[in-house]
């Protein structure tokens, strides 16, 4: 699930699940704890493996609360923004257990290596992600395999720019042989 909760985070610390509808009567506004409980219900009732950006990027206590109460992968995208300082803070606060790597957020491929290593050292999963407005360039497939991330976020292969990444992974597997995907071992592929 890619929630992008910062999009419906209110200044008072609550979350408006109906924020796009205006006028809005507030009937779907939840406290951070109620939203956390909702995620826990989803995890209990459905085969949820990852929840990306379940809370606002500065709602550290809610991130930590969810992380400590579920055995899934809370993924930091807006929380971490491929920023080594925010990753270190999240590690210290036990806010999540997976890092969404977007090379465009940090500027260079070389600069993306250290946050990946720091995340892995903390026992986190690493997911290499495509960017909005993506092209048919399949580099992130190579990067994902090269960093042994075990996870890649490209969306369904229904458009050529997304299919290109999936096809590159297949070519790599064909050339290299059996490549182990993370699967249930997402934290240590």
C-alpha atoms as a PDB file:
ATOM      1  CA  UNK A   1       0.000   0.000   0.000  1.00  0.00           C
ATOM      2  CA  UNK A   2       1.317   3.446  -0.876  1.00  0.00           C
ATOM      3  CA  UNK A   3      -0.722   5.687   1.400  1.00  0.00           C
ATOM      4  CA  UNK A   4       1.010   9.098   1.045  1.00  0.00           C
ATOM      5  CA  UNK A   5      -0.568  10.138   4.347  1.00  0.00           C
ATOM      6  CA  UNK A   6       1.060  13.573   4.306  1.00  0.00           C
ATOM      7  CA  UNK A   7      -1.513  14.429   1.626  1.00  0.00           C
ATOM      8  CA  UNK A   8      -4.369  14.118   4.143  1.00  0.00           C
ATOM      9  CA  UNK A   9      -2.549  15.129   7.332  1.00  0.00           C
ATOM     10  CA  UNK A  10      -4.166  18.015   9.188  1.00  0.00           C
ATOM     11  CA  UNK A  11      -2.295  20.726  11.084  1.00  0.00           C
ATOM     12  CA  UNK A  12      -3.791  19.488  14.362  1.00  0.00           C
ATOM     13  CA  UNK A  13      -2.133  16.059  13.955  1.00  0.00           C
ATOM     14  CA  UNK A  14      -5.186  14.159  12.723  1.00  0.00           C
ATOM     15  CA  UNK A  15      -5.760  12.549   9.341  1.00  0.00           C
ATOM     16  CA  UNK A  16      -8.731  13.303   7.069  1.00  0.00           C
ATOM     17  CA  UNK A  17      -9.497  10.226   4.970  1.00  0.00           C
ATOM     18  CA  UNK A  18     -12.015  12.257   2.983  1.00  0.00           C
ATOM     19  CA  UNK A  19      -9.819  15.307   2.440  1.00  0.00           C
ATOM     20  CA  UNK A  20     -10.384  15.473  -1.319  1.00  0.00           C
ATOM     21  CA  UNK A  21     -14.126  15.975  -0.879  1.00  0.00           C
ATOM     22  CA  UNK A  22     -15.133  19.537  -0.142  1.00  0.00           C
ATOM     23  CA  UNK A  23     -17.207  20.631   1.611  1.00  0.00           C
ATOM     24  CA  UNK A  24     -16.246  18.012   4.145  1.00  0.00           C
ATOM     25  CA  UNK A  25     -18.193  17.288   7.347  1.00  0.00           C
ATOM     26  CA  UNK A  26     -15.166  15.751   9.132  1.00  0.00           C
ATOM     27  CA  UNK A  27     -16.841  12.365   9.545  1.00  0.00           C
ATOM     28  CA  UNK A  28     -13.738  10.578   8.266  1.00  0.00           C
ATOM     29  CA  UNK A  29     -11.133  12.383  10.351  1.00  0.00           C
ATOM     30  CA  UNK A  30      -9.052  10.004  12.461  1.00  0.00           C
ATOM     31  CA  UNK A  31      -6.521  10.513  15.197  1.00  0.00           C
ATOM     32  CA  UNK A  32      -3.060   9.163  14.446  1.00  0.00           C
ATOM     33  CA  UNK A  33      -3.735   6.270  16.842  1.00  0.00           C
ATOM     34  CA  UNK A  34      -7.030   5.437  15.120  1.00  0.00           C
ATOM     35  CA  UNK A  35      -5.271   5.438  11.747  1.00  0.00           C
ATOM     36  CA  UNK A  36      -2.590   3.163  13.196  1.00  0.00           C
ATOM     37  CA  UNK A  37      -5.327   0.821  14.448  1.00  0.00           C
ATOM     38  CA  UNK A  38      -6.906   0.836  10.983  1.00  0.00           C
ATOM     39  CA  UNK A  39      -3.577  -0.237   9.443  1.00  0.00           C
ATOM     40  CA  UNK A  40      -3.260  -2.996  12.038  1.00  0.00           C
ATOM     41  CA  UNK A  41      -6.729  -4.231  11.070  1.00  0.00           C
ATOM     42  CA  UNK A  42      -5.698  -4.235   7.393  1.00  0.00           C
ATOM     43  CA  UNK A  43      -2.605  -6.263   8.248  1.00  0.00           C
ATOM     44  CA  UNK A  44      -4.680  -8.722  10.264  1.00  0.00           C
ATOM     45  CA  UNK A  45      -7.429  -9.102   7.640  1.00  0.00           C
ATOM     46  CA  UNK A  46      -5.496  -8.878   4.359  1.00  0.00           C
ATOM     47  CA  UNK A  47      -2.106 -10.076   3.054  1.00  0.00           C
ATOM     48  CA  UNK A  48      -0.443  -6.663   3.441  1.00  0.00           C
ATOM     49  CA  UNK A  49       3.360  -6.848   3.268  1.00  0.00           C
ATOM     50  CA  UNK A  50       4.318  -3.164   2.990  1.00  0.00           C
ATOM     51  CA  UNK A  51       2.754   0.161   3.855  1.00  0.00           C
ATOM     52  CA  UNK A  52       4.545   3.103   2.307  1.00  0.00           C
ATOM     53  CA  UNK A  53       4.183   6.502   3.979  1.00  0.00           C
ATOM     54  CA  UNK A  54       1.445   5.504   6.441  1.00  0.00           C
ATOM     55  CA  UNK A  55       1.835   8.803   8.332  1.00  0.00           C
ATOM     56  CA  UNK A  56       3.056  12.341   7.737  1.00  0.00           C
ATOM     57  CA  UNK A  57       6.806  12.687   7.315  1.00  0.00           C
ATOM     58  CA  UNK A  58       7.127  14.496  10.643  1.00  0.00           C
ATOM     59  CA  UNK A  59       4.764  12.303  12.674  1.00  0.00           C
ATOM     60  CA  UNK A  60       7.649  10.267  14.095  1.00  0.00           C
ATOM     61  CA  UNK A  61       5.757   8.854  17.076  1.00  0.00           C
ATOM     62  CA  UNK A  62       3.027   7.379  14.874  1.00  0.00           C
ATOM     63  CA  UNK A  63       5.602   5.776  12.596  1.00  0.00           C
ATOM     64  CA  UNK A  64       7.326   4.226  15.622  1.00  0.00           C
ATOM     65  CA  UNK A  65       4.011   3.057  17.061  1.00  0.00           C
ATOM     66  CA  UNK A  66       3.089   1.230  13.861  1.00  0.00           C
ATOM     67  CA  UNK A  67       6.585  -0.187  13.421  1.00  0.00           C
ATOM     68  CA  UNK A  68       6.556  -1.680  16.918  1.00  0.00           C
ATOM     69  CA  UNK A  69       3.110  -3.229  16.553  1.00  0.00           C
ATOM     70  CA  UNK A  70       3.141  -5.012  13.169  1.00  0.00           C
ATOM     71  CA  UNK A  71       5.330  -7.589  11.491  1.00  0.00           C
ATOM     72  CA  UNK A  72       5.295  -5.975   8.071  1.00  0.00           C
ATOM     73  CA  UNK A  73       7.367  -3.418   6.239  1.00  0.00           C
ATOM     74  CA  UNK A  74       6.548   0.239   6.961  1.00  0.00           C
ATOM     75  CA  UNK A  75       8.405   1.921   4.081  1.00  0.00           C
ATOM     76  CA  UNK A  76       9.805   5.433   4.388  1.00  0.00           C
ATOM     77  CA  UNK A  77       9.582   7.520   1.232  1.00  0.00           C
ATOM     78  CA  UNK A  78       8.376  11.000   2.234  1.00  0.00           C
ATOM     79  CA  UNK A  79       9.715  10.236   5.734  1.00  0.00           C
ATOM     80  CA  UNK A  80      13.264   9.601   4.518  1.00  0.00           C
ATOM     81  CA  UNK A  81      13.538  11.320   1.101  1.00  0.00           C
ATOM     82  CA  UNK A  82      16.796   9.397   0.515  1.00  0.00           C
ATOM     83  CA  UNK A  83      18.396  11.739   3.074  1.00  0.00           C
ATOM     84  CA  UNK A  84      21.144  10.151   5.220  1.00  0.00           C
ATOM     85  CA  UNK A  85      20.310  12.389   8.212  1.00  0.00           C
ATOM     86  CA  UNK A  86      16.624  11.445   8.146  1.00  0.00           C
ATOM     87  CA  UNK A  87      17.543   7.788   7.714  1.00  0.00           C
ATOM     88  CA  UNK A  88      19.804   7.979  10.786  1.00  0.00           C
ATOM     89  CA  UNK A  89      16.992   9.675  12.731  1.00  0.00           C
ATOM     90  CA  UNK A  90      14.487   7.006  11.645  1.00  0.00           C
ATOM     91  CA  UNK A  91      16.893   4.250  12.661  1.00  0.00           C
ATOM     92  CA  UNK A  92      17.346   5.853  16.067  1.00  0.00           C
ATOM     93  CA  UNK A  93      13.603   6.331  16.569  1.00  0.00           C
ATOM     94  CA  UNK A  94      12.751   2.877  15.187  1.00  0.00           C
ATOM     95  CA  UNK A  95      10.275   4.603  12.888  1.00  0.00           C
ATOM     96  CA  UNK A  96      10.283   2.150   9.981  1.00  0.00           C
ATOM     97  CA  UNK A  97      12.148  -0.867   8.689  1.00  0.00           C
ATOM     98  CA  UNK A  98      12.434  -0.179   4.981  1.00  0.00           C
ATOM     99  CA  UNK A  99      13.928   2.536   2.828  1.00  0.00           C
ATOM    100  CA  UNK A 100      12.519   3.600  -0.551  1.00  0.00           C
ATOM    101  CA  UNK A 101      15.500   4.622  -2.660  1.00  0.00           C
ATOM    102  CA  UNK A 102      14.846   7.268  -5.287  1.00  0.00           C
ATOM    103  CA  UNK A 103      18.109   8.322  -6.889  1.00  0.00           C
ATOM    104  CA  UNK A 104      16.557  11.593  -8.095  1.00  0.00           C
ATOM    105  CA  UNK A 105      16.038  12.636  -4.447  1.00  0.00           C
ATOM    106  CA  UNK A 106      19.740  12.487  -3.601  1.00  0.00           C
ATOM    107  CA  UNK A 107      21.260  13.589  -6.932  1.00  0.00           C
ATOM    108  CA  UNK A 108      23.732  10.828  -7.861  1.00  0.00           C
ATOM    109  CA  UNK A 109      23.964   7.059  -7.922  1.00  0.00           C
ATOM    110  CA  UNK A 110      27.159   7.259  -5.851  1.00  0.00           C
ATOM    111  CA  UNK A 111      25.352   9.234  -3.139  1.00  0.00           C
ATOM    112  CA  UNK A 112      22.592   6.609  -3.049  1.00  0.00           C
ATOM    113  CA  UNK A 113      24.968   3.827  -1.980  1.00  0.00           C
ATOM    114  CA  UNK A 114      25.643   5.008   1.599  1.00  0.00           C
ATOM    115  CA  UNK A 115      21.972   5.412   2.601  1.00  0.00           C
ATOM    116  CA  UNK A 116      21.391   1.923   1.194  1.00  0.00           C
ATOM    117  CA  UNK A 117      24.260   0.479   3.221  1.00  0.00           C
ATOM    118  CA  UNK A 118      23.128   2.316   6.368  1.00  0.00           C
ATOM    119  CA  UNK A 119      19.617   0.939   5.928  1.00  0.00           C
ATOM    120  CA  UNK A 120      20.844  -2.597   5.403  1.00  0.00           C
ATOM    121  CA  UNK A 121      23.159  -2.304   8.435  1.00  0.00           C
ATOM    122  CA  UNK A 122      20.063  -1.426  10.491  1.00  0.00           C
ATOM    123  CA  UNK A 123      18.361  -4.605   9.260  1.00  0.00           C
ATOM    124  CA  UNK A 124      15.995  -2.729   6.989  1.00  0.00           C
ATOM    125  CA  UNK A 125      14.650  -3.699   3.608  1.00  0.00           C
ATOM    126  CA  UNK A 126      15.609  -1.523   0.644  1.00  0.00           C
ATOM    127  CA  UNK A 127      13.260  -0.900  -2.261  1.00  0.00           C
ATOM    128  CA  UNK A 128      14.571   0.838  -5.386  1.00  0.00           C
ATOM    129  CA  UNK A 129      11.840   2.990  -6.904  1.00  0.00           C
ATOM    130  CA  UNK A 130      10.964   4.493 -10.228  1.00  0.00           C
ATOM    131  CA  UNK A 131      10.183   8.194 -10.384  1.00  0.00           C
ATOM    132  CA  UNK A 132       7.077  10.006 -11.494  1.00  0.00           C
ATOM    133  CA  UNK A 133       7.214  10.912 -15.164  1.00  0.00           C
ATOM    134  CA  UNK A 134       9.316   7.820 -15.797  1.00  0.00           C
ATOM    135  CA  UNK A 135      10.887   6.938 -19.140  1.00  0.00           C
ATOM    136  CA  UNK A 136      11.746   3.579 -20.701  1.00  0.00           C
ATOM    137  CA  UNK A 137      15.227   3.771 -19.172  1.00  0.00           C
ATOM    138  CA  UNK A 138      15.654   0.510 -17.278  1.00  0.00           C
ATOM    139  CA  UNK A 139      18.556   1.566 -15.046  1.00  0.00           C
ATOM    140  CA  UNK A 140      16.670   1.074 -11.771  1.00  0.00           C
ATOM    141  CA  UNK A 141      16.377  -2.641 -12.533  1.00  0.00           C
ATOM    142  CA  UNK A 142      20.173  -2.795 -12.773  1.00  0.00           C
ATOM    143  CA  UNK A 143      20.556  -0.678  -9.639  1.00  0.00           C
ATOM    144  CA  UNK A 144      18.157  -2.860  -7.673  1.00  0.00           C
ATOM    145  CA  UNK A 145      20.096  -6.005  -8.585  1.00  0.00           C
ATOM    146  CA  UNK A 146      23.475  -4.309  -8.109  1.00  0.00           C
ATOM    147  CA  UNK A 147      22.578  -3.089  -4.619  1.00  0.00           C
ATOM    148  CA  UNK A 148      21.026  -6.490  -3.802  1.00  0.00           C
ATOM    149  CA  UNK A 149      17.897  -4.695  -2.689  1.00  0.00           C
ATOM    150  CA  UNK A 150      15.618  -7.610  -3.473  1.00  0.00           C
ATOM    151  CA  UNK A 151      12.774  -5.164  -4.057  1.00  0.00           C
ATOM    152  CA  UNK A 152      11.871  -2.816  -6.848  1.00  0.00           C
ATOM    153  CA  UNK A 153       8.885  -0.489  -7.171  1.00  0.00           C
ATOM    154  CA  UNK A 154       7.832  -0.012 -10.768  1.00  0.00           C
ATOM    155  CA  UNK A 155       4.056  -0.543 -10.755  1.00  0.00           C
ATOM    156  CA  UNK A 156       2.265  -3.030 -12.958  1.00  0.00           C
ATOM    157  CA  UNK A 157       3.885  -3.677 -16.338  1.00  0.00           C
ATOM    158  CA  UNK A 158       1.003  -2.196 -18.304  1.00  0.00           C
ATOM    159  CA  UNK A 159       2.837   0.703 -19.944  1.00  0.00           C
ATOM    160  CA  UNK A 160       6.068   0.567 -21.917  1.00  0.00           C
ATOM    161  CA  UNK A 161       8.104   2.614 -19.416  1.00  0.00           C
ATOM    162  CA  UNK A 162       7.126   0.188 -16.626  1.00  0.00           C
ATOM    163  CA  UNK A 163       7.426  -2.925 -18.758  1.00  0.00           C
ATOM    164  CA  UNK A 164      11.014  -1.939 -19.613  1.00  0.00           C
ATOM    165  CA  UNK A 165      12.087  -2.438 -15.978  1.00  0.00           C
ATOM    166  CA  UNK A 166      10.393  -5.832 -15.712  1.00  0.00           C
ATOM    167  CA  UNK A 167      11.944  -6.947 -19.002  1.00  0.00           C
ATOM    168  CA  UNK A 168      15.399  -5.858 -17.810  1.00  0.00           C
ATOM    169  CA  UNK A 169      15.006  -7.921 -14.638  1.00  0.00           C
ATOM    170  CA  UNK A 170      14.132 -10.920 -16.802  1.00  0.00           C
ATOM    171  CA  UNK A 171      17.195 -10.303 -18.996  1.00  0.00           C
ATOM    172  CA  UNK A 172      19.425 -10.078 -15.930  1.00  0.00           C
ATOM    173  CA  UNK A 173      18.024 -13.325 -14.558  1.00  0.00           C
ATOM    174  CA  UNK A 174      18.530 -14.992 -17.931  1.00  0.00           C
ATOM    175  CA  UNK A 175      22.156 -13.844 -18.074  1.00  0.00           C
ATOM    176  CA  UNK A 176      23.138 -14.347 -14.438  1.00  0.00           C
ATOM    177  CA  UNK A 177      21.013 -17.342 -13.591  1.00  0.00           C
ATOM    178  CA  UNK A 178      18.790 -17.802 -10.608  1.00  0.00           C
ATOM    179  CA  UNK A 179      18.449 -14.463  -8.843  1.00  0.00           C
ATOM    180  CA  UNK A 180      16.931 -14.552  -5.404  1.00  0.00           C
ATOM    181  CA  UNK A 181      14.128 -12.065  -4.950  1.00  0.00           C
ATOM    182  CA  UNK A 182      13.467 -10.929  -1.437  1.00  0.00           C
ATOM    183  CA  UNK A 183       9.985 -12.396  -1.020  1.00  0.00           C
ATOM    184  CA  UNK A 184       9.339 -13.107   2.651  1.00  0.00           C
ATOM    185  CA  UNK A 185      12.990 -12.292   3.392  1.00  0.00           C
ATOM    186  CA  UNK A 186      12.548  -8.652   2.339  1.00  0.00           C
ATOM    187  CA  UNK A 187      14.905  -7.385   5.019  1.00  0.00           C
ATOM    188  CA  UNK A 188      17.786  -9.626   3.969  1.00  0.00           C
ATOM    189  CA  UNK A 189      17.577 -10.706   0.312  1.00  0.00           C
END
